[in-house]
Amino acid sequence: MTFSLVARSDDGRLHGVVVASKFLAAGALVPAAAAQVGALATQAHANLAYRPQGLTVPPARRVSLGG
């Protein structure tokens, strides 16, 4: 089981990702971040193909679960 948390500051300038898992080195594979873009965590068997796809999603299509 893997748990991930992605957060950003109120002004949107700072982003962070944390991962906790029973799988060795999940924290090296699951999170991704890019300056001026944001951060994400892939959960689908740490599929690295999702990282660049997720970071190139246009701003209008991004999902924010926070308020």
N, C-alpha and C. Protein backbone atom coordinates (compact mmCIF):
# COMPACT_ATOMS: atom_id res chain seq x y z
N MET A 1 0.85 -1.16 0.00
CA MET A 1 0.00 0.00 0.00
C MET A 1 0.90 1.24 0.00
N THR A 2 0.51 2.22 -0.76
CA THR A 2 1.28 3.46 -0.86
C THR A 2 0.37 4.65 -0.58
N PHE A 3 0.88 5.59 0.20
CA PHE A 3 0.16 6.83 0.49
C PHE A 3 0.99 7.99 -0.04
N SER A 4 0.33 8.93 -0.69
CA SER A 4 1.02 10.10 -1.22
C SER A 4 0.27 11.36 -0.84
N LEU A 5 1.02 12.43 -0.67
CA LEU A 5 0.44 13.74 -0.38
C LEU A 5 1.14 14.76 -1.25
N VAL A 6 0.36 15.55 -1.97
CA VAL A 6 0.89 16.62 -2.80
C VAL A 6 0.31 17.92 -2.27
N ALA A 7 1.15 18.92 -2.06
CA ALA A 7 0.67 20.18 -1.49
C ALA A 7 1.32 21.37 -2.19
N ARG A 8 0.65 22.52 -2.07
CA ARG A 8 1.23 23.76 -2.57
C ARG A 8 0.92 24.87 -1.59
N SER A 9 1.74 25.90 -1.60
CA SER A 9 1.54 27.04 -0.71
C SER A 9 0.35 27.86 -1.20
N ASP A 10 -0.18 28.70 -0.33
CA ASP A 10 -1.34 29.54 -0.68
C ASP A 10 -1.07 30.41 -1.90
N ASP A 11 0.16 30.89 -2.05
CA ASP A 11 0.46 31.75 -3.20
C ASP A 11 0.83 30.95 -4.45
N GLY A 12 0.89 29.61 -4.33
CA GLY A 12 1.17 28.76 -5.48
C GLY A 12 2.61 28.68 -5.91
N ARG A 13 3.52 29.29 -5.14
CA ARG A 13 4.93 29.31 -5.54
C ARG A 13 5.71 28.09 -5.07
N LEU A 14 5.26 27.44 -3.98
CA LEU A 14 5.97 26.30 -3.43
C LEU A 14 5.13 25.05 -3.55
N HIS A 15 5.77 23.94 -3.90
CA HIS A 15 5.09 22.66 -4.05
C HIS A 15 5.89 21.58 -3.34
N GLY A 16 5.21 20.54 -2.90
CA GLY A 16 5.90 19.44 -2.25
C GLY A 16 5.15 18.13 -2.42
N VAL A 17 5.89 17.03 -2.37
CA VAL A 17 5.32 15.70 -2.50
C VAL A 17 5.98 14.80 -1.45
N VAL A 18 5.17 14.02 -0.73
CA VAL A 18 5.70 13.01 0.19
C VAL A 18 5.05 11.68 -0.13
N VAL A 19 5.79 10.60 0.06
CA VAL A 19 5.30 9.26 -0.24
C VAL A 19 5.70 8.33 0.90
N ALA A 20 4.76 7.51 1.34
CA ALA A 20 5.04 6.46 2.32
C ALA A 20 4.54 5.15 1.74
N SER A 21 5.40 4.14 1.73
CA SER A 21 5.04 2.88 1.10
C SER A 21 5.83 1.73 1.71
N LYS A 22 5.29 0.53 1.57
CA LYS A 22 6.04 -0.66 1.96
C LYS A 22 7.02 -1.07 0.86
N PHE A 23 6.89 -0.47 -0.32
CA PHE A 23 7.76 -0.79 -1.44
C PHE A 23 9.06 0.01 -1.37
N LEU A 24 10.16 -0.67 -1.51
CA LEU A 24 11.47 -0.06 -1.43
C LEU A 24 11.65 1.02 -2.50
N ALA A 25 12.10 2.18 -2.11
CA ALA A 25 12.43 3.30 -2.99
C ALA A 25 11.24 3.88 -3.75
N ALA A 26 10.02 3.70 -3.23
CA ALA A 26 8.85 4.30 -3.89
C ALA A 26 8.97 5.82 -3.95
N GLY A 27 9.59 6.40 -2.95
CA GLY A 27 9.76 7.85 -2.91
C GLY A 27 10.66 8.38 -4.02
N ALA A 28 11.44 7.52 -4.63
CA ALA A 28 12.29 7.93 -5.74
C ALA A 28 11.57 7.83 -7.08
N LEU A 29 10.47 7.09 -7.12
CA LEU A 29 9.77 6.85 -8.39
C LEU A 29 8.40 7.52 -8.48
N VAL A 30 7.69 7.61 -7.38
CA VAL A 30 6.30 8.08 -7.41
C VAL A 30 6.17 9.59 -7.60
N PRO A 31 6.92 10.44 -6.87
CA PRO A 31 6.73 11.89 -7.02
C PRO A 31 7.45 12.47 -8.23
N ALA A 32 6.92 13.58 -8.71
CA ALA A 32 7.56 14.36 -9.77
C ALA A 32 7.20 15.82 -9.55
N ALA A 33 8.11 16.72 -9.87
CA ALA A 33 7.86 18.15 -9.71
C ALA A 33 8.66 18.91 -10.75
N ALA A 34 8.15 20.07 -11.12
CA ALA A 34 8.84 20.94 -12.07
C ALA A 34 8.58 22.39 -11.70
N ALA A 35 9.61 23.20 -11.78
CA ALA A 35 9.49 24.63 -11.48
C ALA A 35 8.48 25.28 -12.42
N GLN A 36 7.71 26.19 -11.90
CA GLN A 36 6.69 26.94 -12.66
C GLN A 36 5.56 26.06 -13.17
N VAL A 37 5.51 24.79 -12.74
CA VAL A 37 4.46 23.87 -13.19
C VAL A 37 3.69 23.33 -12.00
N GLY A 38 4.36 22.58 -11.14
CA GLY A 38 3.71 21.98 -9.99
C GLY A 38 4.32 20.65 -9.63
N ALA A 39 3.54 19.85 -8.92
CA ALA A 39 4.01 18.56 -8.46
C ALA A 39 2.90 17.53 -8.59
N LEU A 40 3.29 16.26 -8.71
CA LEU A 40 2.30 15.19 -8.80
C LEU A 40 2.88 13.92 -8.21
N ALA A 41 2.00 12.96 -7.94
CA ALA A 41 2.42 11.65 -7.47
C ALA A 41 1.67 10.61 -8.29
N THR A 42 2.41 9.72 -8.94
CA THR A 42 1.79 8.63 -9.69
C THR A 42 1.60 7.45 -8.76
N GLN A 43 0.50 6.76 -8.88
CA GLN A 43 0.21 5.64 -8.01
C GLN A 43 0.05 4.34 -8.79
N ALA A 44 0.00 4.39 -10.09
CA ALA A 44 -0.26 3.21 -10.90
C ALA A 44 1.01 2.40 -11.10
N HIS A 45 1.39 1.64 -10.11
CA HIS A 45 2.60 0.83 -10.17
C HIS A 45 3.83 1.66 -10.51
N ALA A 46 3.85 2.90 -10.03
CA ALA A 46 4.97 3.82 -10.29
C ALA A 46 5.31 3.88 -11.77
N ASN A 47 4.30 4.04 -12.59
CA ASN A 47 4.50 4.12 -14.04
C ASN A 47 5.17 5.45 -14.36
N LEU A 48 6.44 5.40 -14.71
CA LEU A 48 7.20 6.62 -14.96
C LEU A 48 6.72 7.39 -16.18
N ALA A 49 5.97 6.76 -17.06
CA ALA A 49 5.44 7.45 -18.25
C ALA A 49 4.42 8.51 -17.85
N TYR A 50 3.79 8.36 -16.69
CA TYR A 50 2.80 9.34 -16.26
C TYR A 50 3.43 10.65 -15.80
N ARG A 51 4.69 10.63 -15.41
CA ARG A 51 5.33 11.83 -14.88
C ARG A 51 5.39 12.96 -15.90
N PRO A 52 6.01 12.77 -17.07
CA PRO A 52 6.05 13.89 -18.03
C PRO A 52 4.67 14.24 -18.56
N GLN A 53 3.80 13.25 -18.73
CA GLN A 53 2.44 13.53 -19.20
C GLN A 53 1.70 14.41 -18.20
N GLY A 54 1.81 14.08 -16.93
CA GLY A 54 1.12 14.84 -15.89
C GLY A 54 1.65 16.26 -15.75
N LEU A 55 2.95 16.43 -15.93
CA LEU A 55 3.54 17.76 -15.79
C LEU A 55 3.30 18.65 -17.01
N THR A 56 2.81 18.09 -18.11
CA THR A 56 2.51 18.90 -19.29
C THR A 56 1.02 19.18 -19.47
N VAL A 57 0.21 18.78 -18.50
CA VAL A 57 -1.23 19.05 -18.58
C VAL A 57 -1.44 20.57 -18.57
N PRO A 58 -2.22 21.11 -19.50
CA PRO A 58 -2.47 22.55 -19.52
C PRO A 58 -3.12 23.02 -18.22
N PRO A 59 -2.78 24.22 -17.74
CA PRO A 59 -3.33 24.72 -16.48
C PRO A 59 -4.86 24.64 -16.39
N ALA A 60 -5.54 24.86 -17.46
CA ALA A 60 -7.01 24.82 -17.43
C ALA A 60 -7.57 23.43 -17.14
N ARG A 61 -6.76 22.39 -17.36
CA ARG A 61 -7.23 21.02 -17.16
C ARG A 61 -6.70 20.39 -15.88
N ARG A 62 -5.90 21.11 -15.12
CA ARG A 62 -5.33 20.57 -13.88
C ARG A 62 -6.39 20.50 -12.80
N VAL A 63 -6.24 19.52 -11.94
CA VAL A 63 -7.19 19.30 -10.85
C VAL A 63 -6.53 19.66 -9.54
N SER A 64 -7.20 20.44 -8.73
CA SER A 64 -6.72 20.78 -7.40
C SER A 64 -7.75 20.28 -6.40
N LEU A 65 -7.30 19.48 -5.45
CA LEU A 65 -8.21 18.95 -4.45
C LEU A 65 -8.29 19.85 -3.22
N GLY A 66 -7.50 20.90 -3.20
CA GLY A 66 -7.49 21.81 -2.05
C GLY A 66 -8.39 23.00 -2.28
N GLY A 67 -8.51 23.80 -1.27
CA GLY A 67 -9.37 24.99 -1.36
C GLY A 67 -8.56 26.16 -1.58
